Each structure stands twice: as structure tokens, then as C-alpha cells.
Amino acid sequence: MLLRIDEVFQNKGWDTRKKILDELRKKPQSAYELSKRLGFNYSTIKYHIEILEKFGLITRSKNGTKSVYIVTKNYELLKKYIEEDKRS
């Protein structure tokens, strides 16, 4: 599935996705941990994780028996680009 950048960043879901990314930048976490920490139900978190994964901003990794999500370098590069663009 091909995603357009506006599907990730320019709709009301971006606030939720940004919160997920901010939490994952602190430490890798499972979808369940994210749902508890952010106060969203599990299915909402999974929906947004799916979008972030498809766009390559996070990746899933096994930590023992559970899956955790990690922010990729793609997100760090994109964030740097966005910050530089705001300064222009």
C-alpha cells in the first residue's frame, strides 16, 4: 500500500501519531504499553502504528516474547528536515 505524506502528517490523526513517536523516542515499547501510557485503546494505537510502519517511521522488533516498536532513522531525518524547513 502506497501512502502519501499528507496521510501521515496532515490530518487529525497526526497528533496521535506524534505522541506515539515521542514515546517511542524515549524507549522501545509494545502497542499495549503505548495504549496504557497514552490513554488510547489498543485498537487505536495499532491503527496508528500500522500507518507509521508503512511509512517507515517505526519498525517492529522482538523483545523476548513480545513485539516492541522502535523509531527508525527515517523519522529522525524527516524531523530534522521539518525543523529546518520551519526556519526558512
Protein backbone atom coordinates (compact mmCIF):
# COMPACT_ATOMS: atom_id res chain seq x y z
CA MET A 1 0.00 0.00 0.00
CA LEU A 2 1.43 3.35 -1.06
CA LEU A 3 0.89 6.22 1.36
CA ARG A 4 1.02 9.90 0.62
CA ILE A 5 2.81 12.13 3.09
CA ASP A 6 -0.40 14.03 3.86
CA GLU A 7 -1.98 10.78 5.04
CA VAL A 8 0.63 10.61 7.78
CA PHE A 9 1.08 14.27 8.72
CA GLN A 10 -1.81 16.43 7.59
CA ASN A 11 -4.92 15.08 9.23
CA LYS A 12 -6.36 14.86 12.70
CA GLY A 13 -4.57 11.55 13.34
CA TRP A 14 -1.19 13.25 13.26
CA ASP A 15 -1.48 14.37 16.90
CA THR A 16 -1.87 10.75 17.99
CA ARG A 17 0.94 9.57 15.73
CA LYS A 18 3.23 12.32 17.04
CA LYS A 19 2.51 11.22 20.62
CA ILE A 20 3.37 7.65 19.68
CA LEU A 21 6.62 8.75 18.03
CA ASP A 22 7.53 10.92 21.02
CA GLU A 23 7.01 7.98 23.38
CA LEU A 24 9.00 5.61 21.18
CA ARG A 25 11.88 8.08 21.02
CA LYS A 26 12.17 7.69 24.81
CA LYS A 27 12.31 3.88 24.65
CA PRO A 28 11.03 0.96 22.57
CA GLN A 29 7.55 -0.06 23.70
CA SER A 30 4.81 -2.51 22.82
CA ALA A 31 1.43 -1.41 21.49
CA TYR A 32 -0.08 -2.37 24.83
CA GLU A 33 2.41 -0.21 26.74
CA LEU A 34 1.72 2.70 24.41
CA SER A 35 -2.04 2.34 24.84
CA LYS A 36 -1.70 2.45 28.63
CA ARG A 37 0.81 5.30 28.66
CA LEU A 38 -1.12 7.47 26.19
CA GLY A 39 -4.63 6.60 27.35
CA PHE A 40 -5.87 5.31 23.99
CA ASN A 41 -7.48 1.95 23.41
CA TYR A 42 -5.31 -0.78 21.94
CA SER A 43 -7.04 -0.85 18.53
CA THR A 44 -6.47 2.91 18.08
CA ILE A 45 -2.77 2.52 18.84
CA LYS A 46 -2.47 -0.46 16.46
CA TYR A 47 -4.16 1.55 13.67
CA HIS A 48 -1.67 4.41 14.00
CA ILE A 49 1.29 2.04 14.41
CA GLU A 50 0.31 0.40 11.12
CA ILE A 51 0.46 3.76 9.33
CA LEU A 52 3.78 4.69 10.93
CA GLU A 53 5.24 1.29 9.98
CA LYS A 54 4.05 1.52 6.38
CA PHE A 55 5.64 4.94 6.09
CA GLY A 56 8.90 3.59 7.52
CA LEU A 57 8.95 5.82 10.60
CA ILE A 58 8.92 2.93 13.08
CA THR A 59 9.83 -0.72 12.95
CA ARG A 60 8.85 -3.75 14.99
CA SER A 61 11.40 -5.78 16.91
CA LYS A 62 11.10 -8.80 19.16
CA ASN A 63 11.99 -8.26 22.80
CA GLY A 64 11.74 -11.70 24.36
CA THR A 65 8.21 -12.89 23.70
CA LYS A 66 6.68 -9.51 22.87
CA SER A 67 6.94 -7.15 19.94
CA VAL A 68 8.16 -3.64 20.60
CA TYR A 69 8.29 -0.68 18.26
CA ILE A 70 11.34 1.46 17.59
CA VAL A 71 11.69 4.82 15.85
CA THR A 72 13.72 4.50 12.65
CA LYS A 73 16.39 6.78 11.27
CA ASN A 74 13.82 7.82 8.65
CA TYR A 75 11.84 9.64 11.33
CA GLU A 76 14.92 11.36 12.73
CA LEU A 77 15.88 12.54 9.24
CA LEU A 78 12.35 13.69 8.47
CA LYS A 79 12.08 15.52 11.78
CA LYS A 80 15.35 17.32 11.08
CA TYR A 81 14.08 18.28 7.61
CA ILE A 82 10.80 19.61 9.02
CA GLU A 83 12.62 21.67 11.67
CA GLU A 84 14.97 23.15 9.05
CA ASP A 85 12.04 23.92 6.75
CA LYS A 86 10.27 25.83 9.55
CA ARG A 87 13.34 28.04 9.99
CA SER A 88 13.38 29.00 6.29
